Amino acid sequence: MDSSDLPGDLAKMLVSEEQIRARLAEMARQIEADYEGKDLLLVGVLKGAVMVMADLARELKRHIDMDWMAVSSYGTSTQSSGVVRILKDLDTEIAGRNVLIVEDIIDSGLTLSWLLENFASRGPASVEVCALLRKPDAAKVHIDVKYAGFEIPNDFVVGYGLDYAEKYRNLRGVGVLAPHVYE
């Protein structure tokens, strides 16, 4: 789905599909260099990271393992509640593994902070974060992000996996949702 398929739903587009693909390719080259000779487990955070994880994994020119975890702190709201619920845990044991958490967006950082603590308690060799989008002005906690795609303003964004009430995930780029849609 393209922005032209959503007349009036988006206030503006922030990041195009082409920009996303180019940035994921750059990030993939850095990940390959950093993990050369090491095993690597990508952990995608459902549902938002599906597009990022799929495109990043296809861009990597090396073997990887993949798993998924589903956590929620949003429900149908446009702001994180800060209370994290595990909806689906990992199927893979991460003790002794190099884990790269793949996220669609980091805004408050509360959910990811909780996830990093949870993973650390499982004894991985390393845990790093790869996020397509980051909202520095929304941060409530500091998160070290080794691979960051784009810094964006503190607007409510949809597309490329990001949703509002389960809609807009299949938008090819990332856009700011028009306020009339969620008010």
N, C-alpha and C. Protein backbone atom coordinates (compact mmCIF):
# COMPACT_ATOMS: atom_id res chain seq x y z
N MET A 1 0.85 -1.17 0.00
CA MET A 1 0.00 0.00 0.00
C MET A 1 0.90 1.24 0.00
N ASP A 2 0.51 2.20 -0.77
CA ASP A 2 1.25 3.44 -0.91
C ASP A 2 0.44 4.57 -0.25
N SER A 3 1.09 5.68 0.05
CA SER A 3 0.39 6.81 0.68
C SER A 3 -0.76 7.32 -0.17
N SER A 4 -0.65 7.17 -1.49
CA SER A 4 -1.74 7.62 -2.36
C SER A 4 -3.01 6.77 -2.19
N ASP A 5 -2.88 5.60 -1.57
CA ASP A 5 -4.03 4.74 -1.30
C ASP A 5 -4.78 5.17 -0.04
N LEU A 6 -4.26 6.17 0.66
CA LEU A 6 -4.81 6.61 1.95
C LEU A 6 -5.12 8.10 1.94
N PRO A 7 -5.94 8.58 1.04
CA PRO A 7 -6.18 10.03 0.99
C PRO A 7 -6.74 10.56 2.31
N GLY A 8 -6.03 11.54 2.86
CA GLY A 8 -6.48 12.19 4.09
C GLY A 8 -6.06 11.51 5.38
N ASP A 9 -5.56 10.29 5.34
CA ASP A 9 -5.17 9.58 6.57
C ASP A 9 -3.81 10.00 7.10
N LEU A 10 -2.95 10.49 6.23
CA LEU A 10 -1.59 10.84 6.63
C LEU A 10 -1.38 12.34 6.55
N ALA A 11 -0.77 12.89 7.60
CA ALA A 11 -0.43 14.31 7.59
C ALA A 11 0.76 14.56 6.66
N LYS A 12 1.72 13.61 6.66
CA LYS A 12 2.88 13.69 5.77
C LYS A 12 3.65 12.38 5.82
N MET A 13 4.43 12.15 4.79
CA MET A 13 5.34 11.00 4.78
C MET A 13 6.68 11.44 5.36
N LEU A 14 7.27 10.59 6.19
CA LEU A 14 8.56 10.91 6.79
C LEU A 14 9.72 10.18 6.12
N VAL A 15 9.51 8.89 5.83
CA VAL A 15 10.57 8.07 5.29
C VAL A 15 9.99 7.20 4.17
N SER A 16 10.61 7.25 3.01
CA SER A 16 10.11 6.47 1.87
C SER A 16 10.61 5.02 1.93
N GLU A 17 9.98 4.17 1.15
CA GLU A 17 10.41 2.78 1.05
C GLU A 17 11.86 2.71 0.56
N GLU A 18 12.21 3.55 -0.39
CA GLU A 18 13.57 3.55 -0.94
C GLU A 18 14.59 3.95 0.12
N GLN A 19 14.27 4.96 0.93
CA GLN A 19 15.17 5.37 2.01
C GLN A 19 15.34 4.25 3.03
N ILE A 20 14.25 3.56 3.35
CA ILE A 20 14.32 2.46 4.31
C ILE A 20 15.22 1.36 3.78
N ARG A 21 15.01 0.96 2.55
CA ARG A 21 15.82 -0.14 1.98
C ARG A 21 17.30 0.23 1.94
N ALA A 22 17.61 1.46 1.56
CA ALA A 22 19.00 1.89 1.50
C ALA A 22 19.63 1.87 2.90
N ARG A 23 18.90 2.35 3.89
CA ARG A 23 19.44 2.39 5.26
C ARG A 23 19.59 0.99 5.83
N LEU A 24 18.64 0.10 5.56
CA LEU A 24 18.76 -1.29 6.03
C LEU A 24 19.99 -1.96 5.40
N ALA A 25 20.28 -1.66 4.15
CA ALA A 25 21.47 -2.22 3.49
C ALA A 25 22.74 -1.74 4.20
N GLU A 26 22.80 -0.47 4.54
CA GLU A 26 23.95 0.07 5.27
C GLU A 26 24.09 -0.60 6.63
N MET A 27 22.98 -0.74 7.33
CA MET A 27 23.01 -1.37 8.65
C MET A 27 23.44 -2.83 8.54
N ALA A 28 23.00 -3.53 7.49
CA ALA A 28 23.36 -4.93 7.29
C ALA A 28 24.87 -5.08 7.10
N ARG A 29 25.47 -4.17 6.34
CA ARG A 29 26.93 -4.25 6.14
C ARG A 29 27.66 -4.10 7.48
N GLN A 30 27.18 -3.19 8.33
CA GLN A 30 27.83 -2.99 9.63
C GLN A 30 27.63 -4.21 10.53
N ILE A 31 26.43 -4.79 10.51
CA ILE A 31 26.15 -5.99 11.31
C ILE A 31 27.05 -7.14 10.85
N GLU A 32 27.19 -7.31 9.54
CA GLU A 32 28.06 -8.37 9.02
C GLU A 32 29.49 -8.20 9.52
N ALA A 33 30.00 -6.98 9.49
CA ALA A 33 31.37 -6.71 9.96
C ALA A 33 31.49 -6.97 11.46
N ASP A 34 30.51 -6.50 12.22
CA ASP A 34 30.58 -6.63 13.67
C ASP A 34 30.45 -8.08 14.16
N TYR A 35 29.74 -8.91 13.42
CA TYR A 35 29.50 -10.29 13.85
C TYR A 35 30.26 -11.30 13.00
N GLU A 36 31.27 -10.85 12.28
CA GLU A 36 32.04 -11.77 11.45
C GLU A 36 32.63 -12.88 12.32
N GLY A 37 32.41 -14.12 11.91
CA GLY A 37 32.93 -15.27 12.65
C GLY A 37 32.14 -15.63 13.89
N LYS A 38 31.03 -14.97 14.14
CA LYS A 38 30.20 -15.24 15.33
C LYS A 38 28.81 -15.68 14.90
N ASP A 39 28.20 -16.50 15.73
CA ASP A 39 26.79 -16.83 15.47
C ASP A 39 25.95 -15.59 15.74
N LEU A 40 24.79 -15.54 15.13
CA LEU A 40 23.91 -14.39 15.34
C LEU A 40 22.47 -14.83 15.32
N LEU A 41 21.76 -14.45 16.36
CA LEU A 41 20.33 -14.71 16.47
C LEU A 41 19.60 -13.37 16.40
N LEU A 42 18.79 -13.20 15.35
CA LEU A 42 17.94 -12.02 15.26
C LEU A 42 16.64 -12.32 15.98
N VAL A 43 16.23 -11.41 16.86
CA VAL A 43 14.96 -11.55 17.56
C VAL A 43 14.08 -10.37 17.18
N GLY A 44 13.04 -10.64 16.42
CA GLY A 44 12.11 -9.61 16.03
C GLY A 44 11.03 -9.45 17.07
N VAL A 45 10.65 -8.20 17.31
CA VAL A 45 9.60 -7.91 18.28
C VAL A 45 8.31 -7.71 17.50
N LEU A 46 7.40 -8.66 17.69
CA LEU A 46 6.12 -8.66 16.97
C LEU A 46 5.19 -7.58 17.51
N LYS A 47 4.32 -7.09 16.71
CA LYS A 47 4.12 -7.34 15.31
C LYS A 47 4.86 -6.31 14.48
N GLY A 48 5.20 -5.20 15.09
CA GLY A 48 5.73 -4.07 14.34
C GLY A 48 7.01 -4.32 13.57
N ALA A 49 7.88 -5.20 14.08
CA ALA A 49 9.19 -5.39 13.46
C ALA A 49 9.17 -6.38 12.30
N VAL A 50 8.03 -6.90 11.93
CA VAL A 50 7.97 -7.91 10.88
C VAL A 50 8.63 -7.42 9.59
N MET A 51 8.27 -6.24 9.12
CA MET A 51 8.82 -5.73 7.86
C MET A 51 10.32 -5.47 7.98
N VAL A 52 10.72 -4.83 9.07
CA VAL A 52 12.14 -4.52 9.29
C VAL A 52 12.95 -5.81 9.36
N MET A 53 12.47 -6.76 10.14
CA MET A 53 13.19 -8.02 10.32
C MET A 53 13.32 -8.78 9.00
N ALA A 54 12.23 -8.85 8.25
CA ALA A 54 12.27 -9.58 6.97
C ALA A 54 13.25 -8.93 6.01
N ASP A 55 13.18 -7.63 5.86
CA ASP A 55 14.05 -6.96 4.90
C ASP A 55 15.50 -6.94 5.36
N LEU A 56 15.74 -6.77 6.66
CA LEU A 56 17.10 -6.81 7.18
C LEU A 56 17.70 -8.21 7.01
N ALA A 57 16.95 -9.23 7.35
CA ALA A 57 17.44 -10.61 7.24
C ALA A 57 17.79 -10.94 5.79
N ARG A 58 16.95 -10.51 4.85
CA ARG A 58 17.23 -10.79 3.44
C ARG A 58 18.45 -10.02 2.94
N GLU A 59 18.73 -8.90 3.56
CA GLU A 59 19.87 -8.08 3.15
C GLU A 59 21.20 -8.64 3.67
N LEU A 60 21.16 -9.38 4.78
CA LEU A 60 22.39 -9.93 5.36
C LEU A 60 22.95 -11.02 4.46
N LYS A 61 24.27 -10.96 4.24
CA LYS A 61 24.94 -11.93 3.38
C LYS A 61 25.71 -12.93 4.23
N ARG A 62 24.99 -13.56 5.14
CA ARG A 62 25.57 -14.55 6.05
C ARG A 62 24.45 -15.35 6.67
N HIS A 63 24.81 -16.44 7.32
CA HIS A 63 23.80 -17.25 8.00
C HIS A 63 23.39 -16.57 9.30
N ILE A 64 22.12 -16.65 9.59
CA ILE A 64 21.57 -16.15 10.84
C ILE A 64 20.50 -17.11 11.32
N ASP A 65 20.19 -17.05 12.59
CA ASP A 65 19.00 -17.70 13.14
C ASP A 65 18.02 -16.59 13.43
N MET A 66 16.73 -16.94 13.41
CA MET A 66 15.69 -15.94 13.68
C MET A 66 14.68 -16.50 14.67
N ASP A 67 14.19 -15.62 15.53
CA ASP A 67 13.10 -15.96 16.43
C ASP A 67 12.28 -14.70 16.64
N TRP A 68 11.13 -14.87 17.27
CA TRP A 68 10.20 -13.77 17.48
C TRP A 68 9.72 -13.75 18.92
N MET A 69 9.49 -12.55 19.39
CA MET A 69 8.89 -12.35 20.71
C MET A 69 7.80 -11.31 20.55
N ALA A 70 6.69 -11.54 21.21
CA ALA A 70 5.60 -10.56 21.17
C ALA A 70 5.39 -10.01 22.57
N VAL A 71 5.53 -8.69 22.68
CA VAL A 71 5.26 -8.00 23.93
C VAL A 71 4.36 -6.83 23.61
N SER A 72 3.61 -6.38 24.60
CA SER A 72 2.71 -5.26 24.35
C SER A 72 2.70 -4.30 25.52
N SER A 73 2.69 -3.02 25.18
CA SER A 73 2.49 -1.97 26.20
C SER A 73 1.58 -0.89 25.64
N TYR A 74 0.97 -1.14 24.49
CA TYR A 74 0.14 -0.14 23.82
C TYR A 74 -1.34 -0.46 23.82
N GLY A 75 -1.71 -1.71 23.50
CA GLY A 75 -3.12 -2.01 23.26
C GLY A 75 -3.57 -1.24 22.03
N THR A 76 -4.68 -0.50 22.13
CA THR A 76 -5.15 0.30 21.00
C THR A 76 -4.85 1.78 21.20
N SER A 77 -4.02 2.10 22.18
CA SER A 77 -3.68 3.48 22.47
C SER A 77 -2.58 3.98 21.54
N THR A 78 -2.37 5.29 21.52
CA THR A 78 -1.27 5.87 20.75
C THR A 78 -0.06 6.13 21.63
N GLN A 79 -0.15 5.81 22.92
CA GLN A 79 0.97 5.99 23.83
C GLN A 79 1.17 4.73 24.66
N SER A 80 2.44 4.43 24.93
CA SER A 80 2.78 3.25 25.72
C SER A 80 2.28 3.41 27.16
N SER A 81 1.74 2.34 27.72
CA SER A 81 1.31 2.35 29.12
C SER A 81 2.47 2.14 30.06
N GLY A 82 3.58 1.56 29.54
CA GLY A 82 4.73 1.24 30.37
C GLY A 82 4.61 -0.11 31.05
N VAL A 83 3.44 -0.73 31.02
CA VAL A 83 3.24 -2.05 31.59
C VAL A 83 3.40 -3.06 30.47
N VAL A 84 4.42 -3.92 30.59
CA VAL A 84 4.75 -4.85 29.52
C VAL A 84 4.14 -6.22 29.80
N ARG A 85 3.51 -6.75 28.76
CA ARG A 85 2.98 -8.11 28.83
C ARG A 85 3.66 -8.95 27.76
N ILE A 86 4.09 -10.16 28.11
CA ILE A 86 4.62 -11.09 27.11
C ILE A 86 3.43 -11.81 26.48
N LEU A 87 3.29 -11.65 25.19
CA LEU A 87 2.22 -12.32 24.45
C LEU A 87 2.73 -13.60 23.80
N LYS A 88 4.03 -13.62 23.43
CA LYS A 88 4.68 -14.80 22.88
C LYS A 88 6.16 -14.73 23.26
N ASP A 89 6.63 -15.77 23.93
CA ASP A 89 8.04 -15.82 24.33
C ASP A 89 8.86 -16.46 23.22
N LEU A 90 10.16 -16.40 23.38
CA LEU A 90 11.07 -16.99 22.41
C LEU A 90 10.93 -18.51 22.38
N ASP A 91 11.16 -19.10 21.22
CA ASP A 91 11.22 -20.55 21.09
C ASP A 91 12.66 -21.03 21.21
N THR A 92 13.61 -20.12 21.11
CA THR A 92 15.04 -20.41 21.10
C THR A 92 15.67 -20.08 22.44
N GLU A 93 16.53 -20.95 22.91
CA GLU A 93 17.33 -20.67 24.11
C GLU A 93 18.41 -19.67 23.72
N ILE A 94 18.55 -18.59 24.49
CA ILE A 94 19.53 -17.56 24.12
C ILE A 94 20.79 -17.58 24.98
N ALA A 95 20.88 -18.48 25.95
CA ALA A 95 22.08 -18.56 26.78
C ALA A 95 23.31 -18.80 25.89
N GLY A 96 24.32 -17.95 26.07
CA GLY A 96 25.56 -18.08 25.31
C GLY A 96 25.49 -17.60 23.87
N ARG A 97 24.36 -17.06 23.44
CA ARG A 97 24.18 -16.64 22.05
C ARG A 97 24.40 -15.13 21.90
N ASN A 98 24.76 -14.72 20.68
CA ASN A 98 24.81 -13.30 20.33
C ASN A 98 23.44 -12.94 19.79
N VAL A 99 22.74 -12.07 20.51
CA VAL A 99 21.37 -11.73 20.18
C VAL A 99 21.30 -10.29 19.68
N LEU A 100 20.58 -10.11 18.57
CA LEU A 100 20.32 -8.78 18.05
C LEU A 100 18.82 -8.59 18.03
N ILE A 101 18.33 -7.73 18.92
CA ILE A 101 16.90 -7.42 18.97
C ILE A 101 16.59 -6.46 17.83
N VAL A 102 15.61 -6.82 17.01
CA VAL A 102 15.22 -5.99 15.88
C VAL A 102 13.88 -5.34 16.20
N GLU A 103 13.87 -4.02 16.22
CA GLU A 103 12.68 -3.24 16.56
C GLU A 103 12.28 -2.35 15.41
N ASP A 104 11.00 -2.06 15.34
CA ASP A 104 10.51 -1.09 14.37
C ASP A 104 10.79 0.33 14.85
N ILE A 105 10.48 0.59 16.13
CA ILE A 105 10.59 1.96 16.64
C ILE A 105 10.92 1.95 18.13
N ILE A 106 11.68 2.94 18.54
CA ILE A 106 11.91 3.16 19.97
C ILE A 106 11.39 4.56 20.26
N ASP A 107 10.37 4.62 21.10
CA ASP A 107 9.90 5.94 21.50
C ASP A 107 10.20 6.16 22.98
N SER A 108 9.36 5.76 23.91
CA SER A 108 9.66 5.98 25.33
C SER A 108 10.85 5.15 25.77
N GLY A 109 11.05 3.99 25.16
CA GLY A 109 12.14 3.09 25.55
C GLY A 109 11.77 2.16 26.68
N LEU A 110 10.60 2.34 27.28
CA LEU A 110 10.20 1.54 28.44
C LEU A 110 10.08 0.06 28.12
N THR A 111 9.42 -0.27 27.02
CA THR A 111 9.24 -1.67 26.66
C THR A 111 10.59 -2.31 26.33
N LEU A 112 11.41 -1.63 25.56
CA LEU A 112 12.71 -2.18 25.20
C LEU A 112 13.62 -2.31 26.41
N SER A 113 13.57 -1.37 27.33
CA SER A 113 14.35 -1.45 28.56
C SER A 113 13.98 -2.71 29.34
N TRP A 114 12.68 -2.97 29.44
CA TRP A 114 12.21 -4.17 30.12
C TRP A 114 12.70 -5.42 29.40
N LEU A 115 12.64 -5.41 28.06
CA LEU A 115 13.04 -6.56 27.26
C LEU A 115 14.55 -6.82 27.41
N LEU A 116 15.35 -5.77 27.43
CA LEU A 116 16.79 -5.93 27.61
C LEU A 116 17.12 -6.55 28.96
N GLU A 117 16.42 -6.13 30.00
CA GLU A 117 16.63 -6.73 31.33
C GLU A 117 16.20 -8.19 31.33
N ASN A 118 15.08 -8.49 30.70
CA ASN A 118 14.59 -9.85 30.61
C ASN A 118 15.61 -10.74 29.89
N PHE A 119 16.13 -10.27 28.77
CA PHE A 119 17.09 -11.06 28.01
C PHE A 119 18.40 -11.23 28.78
N ALA A 120 18.87 -10.18 29.46
CA ALA A 120 20.12 -10.26 30.22
C ALA A 120 20.04 -11.36 31.27
N SER A 121 18.86 -11.57 31.84
CA SER A 121 18.70 -12.60 32.87
C SER A 121 18.78 -14.01 32.29
N ARG A 122 18.75 -14.14 30.97
CA ARG A 122 18.79 -15.45 30.31
C ARG A 122 20.20 -15.87 29.90
N GLY A 123 21.21 -15.04 30.19
CA GLY A 123 22.60 -15.41 29.99
C GLY A 123 23.12 -15.42 28.56
N PRO A 124 22.74 -14.46 27.72
CA PRO A 124 23.30 -14.44 26.36
C PRO A 124 24.76 -14.00 26.38
N ALA A 125 25.49 -14.33 25.31
CA ALA A 125 26.87 -13.84 25.17
C ALA A 125 26.85 -12.32 24.98
N SER A 126 25.87 -11.84 24.20
CA SER A 126 25.72 -10.41 23.99
C SER A 126 24.29 -10.12 23.56
N VAL A 127 23.85 -8.90 23.82
CA VAL A 127 22.55 -8.43 23.36
C VAL A 127 22.73 -7.00 22.86
N GLU A 128 22.36 -6.78 21.62
CA GLU A 128 22.40 -5.45 21.02
C GLU A 128 21.04 -5.14 20.42
N VAL A 129 20.85 -3.88 20.06
CA VAL A 129 19.57 -3.43 19.53
C VAL A 129 19.75 -2.83 18.14
N CYS A 130 18.84 -3.20 17.25
CA CYS A 130 18.75 -2.63 15.91
C CYS A 130 17.33 -2.09 15.76
N ALA A 131 17.19 -0.80 15.51
CA ALA A 131 15.86 -0.20 15.37
C ALA A 131 15.81 0.65 14.11
N LEU A 132 14.74 0.50 13.38
CA LEU A 132 14.58 1.31 12.17
C LEU A 132 14.39 2.77 12.52
N LEU A 133 13.54 3.04 13.53
CA LEU A 133 13.18 4.41 13.88
C LEU A 133 13.45 4.67 15.35
N ARG A 134 13.77 5.92 15.64
CA ARG A 134 13.99 6.33 17.02
C ARG A 134 13.43 7.73 17.21
N LYS A 135 12.70 7.92 18.32
CA LYS A 135 12.14 9.24 18.66
C LYS A 135 12.88 9.78 19.88
N PRO A 136 13.97 10.52 19.68
CA PRO A 136 14.75 10.99 20.82
C PRO A 136 13.95 11.86 21.79
N ASP A 137 13.00 12.66 21.28
CA ASP A 137 12.23 13.55 22.14
C ASP A 137 11.21 12.82 22.99
N ALA A 138 10.94 11.56 22.71
CA ALA A 138 9.96 10.79 23.47
C ALA A 138 10.60 9.90 24.53
N ALA A 139 11.93 9.82 24.54
CA ALA A 139 12.64 8.89 25.42
C ALA A 139 12.39 9.20 26.89
N LYS A 140 12.02 8.16 27.62
CA LYS A 140 11.86 8.25 29.08
C LYS A 140 13.02 7.55 29.79
N VAL A 141 13.68 6.63 29.08
CA VAL A 141 14.87 5.95 29.60
C VAL A 141 15.89 5.90 28.47
N HIS A 142 17.17 5.84 28.84
CA HIS A 142 18.22 5.76 27.84
C HIS A 142 18.39 4.31 27.39
N ILE A 143 18.41 4.12 26.08
CA ILE A 143 18.63 2.80 25.49
C ILE A 143 19.82 2.92 24.55
N ASP A 144 20.81 2.03 24.74
CA ASP A 144 21.92 1.99 23.81
C ASP A 144 21.47 1.23 22.56
N VAL A 145 21.44 1.92 21.45
CA VAL A 145 21.03 1.32 20.18
C VAL A 145 22.26 1.26 19.30
N LYS A 146 22.72 0.05 19.02
CA LYS A 146 23.93 -0.10 18.22
C LYS A 146 23.68 0.23 16.75
N TYR A 147 22.50 -0.13 16.26
CA TYR A 147 22.16 0.11 14.85
C TYR A 147 20.84 0.86 14.79
N ALA A 148 20.89 2.13 14.43
CA ALA A 148 19.68 2.95 14.35
C ALA A 148 19.50 3.45 12.92
N GLY A 149 18.28 3.34 12.43
CA GLY A 149 18.00 3.75 11.06
C GLY A 149 17.81 5.24 10.92
N PHE A 150 16.71 5.75 11.49
CA PHE A 150 16.35 7.16 11.34
C PHE A 150 15.85 7.73 12.67
N GLU A 151 16.25 8.96 12.97
CA GLU A 151 15.65 9.68 14.08
C GLU A 151 14.50 10.49 13.53
N ILE A 152 13.35 10.39 14.20
CA ILE A 152 12.14 11.06 13.72
C ILE A 152 11.54 11.91 14.83
N PRO A 153 10.68 12.86 14.47
CA PRO A 153 10.02 13.68 15.50
C PRO A 153 9.03 12.87 16.33
N ASN A 154 8.61 13.45 17.42
CA ASN A 154 7.70 12.77 18.35
C ASN A 154 6.26 12.88 17.86
N ASP A 155 6.00 12.35 16.68
CA ASP A 155 4.66 12.29 16.10
C ASP A 155 4.20 10.84 16.11
N PHE A 156 2.89 10.63 15.97
CA PHE A 156 2.38 9.27 15.89
C PHE A 156 2.51 8.79 14.45
N VAL A 157 3.36 7.79 14.25
CA VAL A 157 3.69 7.33 12.91
C VAL A 157 3.15 5.93 12.65
N VAL A 158 2.89 5.68 11.37
CA VAL A 158 2.39 4.38 10.93
C VAL A 158 3.13 3.98 9.66
N GLY A 159 3.03 2.71 9.33
CA GLY A 159 3.61 2.20 8.11
C GLY A 159 4.82 1.34 8.37
N TYR A 160 5.16 0.53 7.39
CA TYR A 160 6.31 -0.36 7.44
C TYR A 160 6.32 -1.19 8.73
N GLY A 161 5.14 -1.70 9.08
CA GLY A 161 4.99 -2.52 10.27
C GLY A 161 4.32 -1.81 11.43
N LEU A 162 4.43 -0.50 11.47
CA LEU A 162 3.83 0.28 12.55
C LEU A 162 2.33 0.46 12.29
N ASP A 163 1.54 0.36 13.35
CA ASP A 163 0.10 0.41 13.16
C ASP A 163 -0.60 1.40 14.06
N TYR A 164 -1.84 1.63 13.73
CA TYR A 164 -2.81 2.22 14.64
C TYR A 164 -4.02 1.30 14.58
N ALA A 165 -4.35 0.69 15.73
CA ALA A 165 -5.48 -0.24 15.83
C ALA A 165 -5.40 -1.31 14.74
N GLU A 166 -4.19 -1.84 14.53
CA GLU A 166 -3.91 -2.93 13.58
C GLU A 166 -4.03 -2.53 12.11
N LYS A 167 -4.17 -1.26 11.82
CA LYS A 167 -4.23 -0.80 10.44
C LYS A 167 -2.93 -0.07 10.09
N TYR A 168 -2.66 0.07 8.82
CA TYR A 168 -1.53 0.83 8.25
C TYR A 168 -0.20 0.09 8.25
N ARG A 169 -0.13 -1.13 8.79
CA ARG A 169 1.15 -1.86 8.82
C ARG A 169 1.74 -2.06 7.43
N ASN A 170 0.88 -2.22 6.41
CA ASN A 170 1.35 -2.54 5.08
C ASN A 170 1.65 -1.30 4.22
N LEU A 171 1.64 -0.13 4.80
CA LEU A 171 2.09 1.08 4.11
C LEU A 171 3.60 0.92 3.85
N ARG A 172 4.03 1.17 2.64
CA ARG A 172 5.41 0.89 2.24
C ARG A 172 6.46 1.80 2.87
N GLY A 173 6.08 3.00 3.25
CA GLY A 173 6.99 3.91 3.93
C GLY A 173 6.46 4.18 5.33
N VAL A 174 6.98 5.24 5.94
CA VAL A 174 6.53 5.65 7.28
C VAL A 174 5.99 7.06 7.19
N GLY A 175 4.77 7.24 7.70
CA GLY A 175 4.13 8.55 7.66
C GLY A 175 3.52 8.93 8.98
N VAL A 176 3.26 10.20 9.14
CA VAL A 176 2.60 10.72 10.33
C VAL A 176 1.09 10.56 10.14
N LEU A 177 0.46 9.88 11.08
CA LEU A 177 -0.98 9.67 11.01
C LEU A 177 -1.70 10.99 11.32
N ALA A 178 -2.65 11.34 10.48
CA ALA A 178 -3.42 12.58 10.70
C ALA A 178 -4.22 12.45 12.00
N PRO A 179 -4.20 13.48 12.84
CA PRO A 179 -4.88 13.42 14.14
C PRO A 179 -6.36 13.06 14.05
N HIS A 180 -7.05 13.47 13.01
CA HIS A 180 -8.49 13.18 12.93
C HIS A 180 -8.77 11.68 12.89
N VAL A 181 -7.77 10.88 12.52
CA VAL A 181 -7.96 9.43 12.44
C VAL A 181 -8.07 8.80 13.84
N TYR A 182 -7.32 9.31 14.81
CA TYR A 182 -7.30 8.68 16.13
C TYR A 182 -7.92 9.54 17.23
N GLU A 183 -8.37 10.74 16.94
CA GLU A 183 -8.96 11.57 18.01
C GLU A 183 -10.42 11.26 18.20
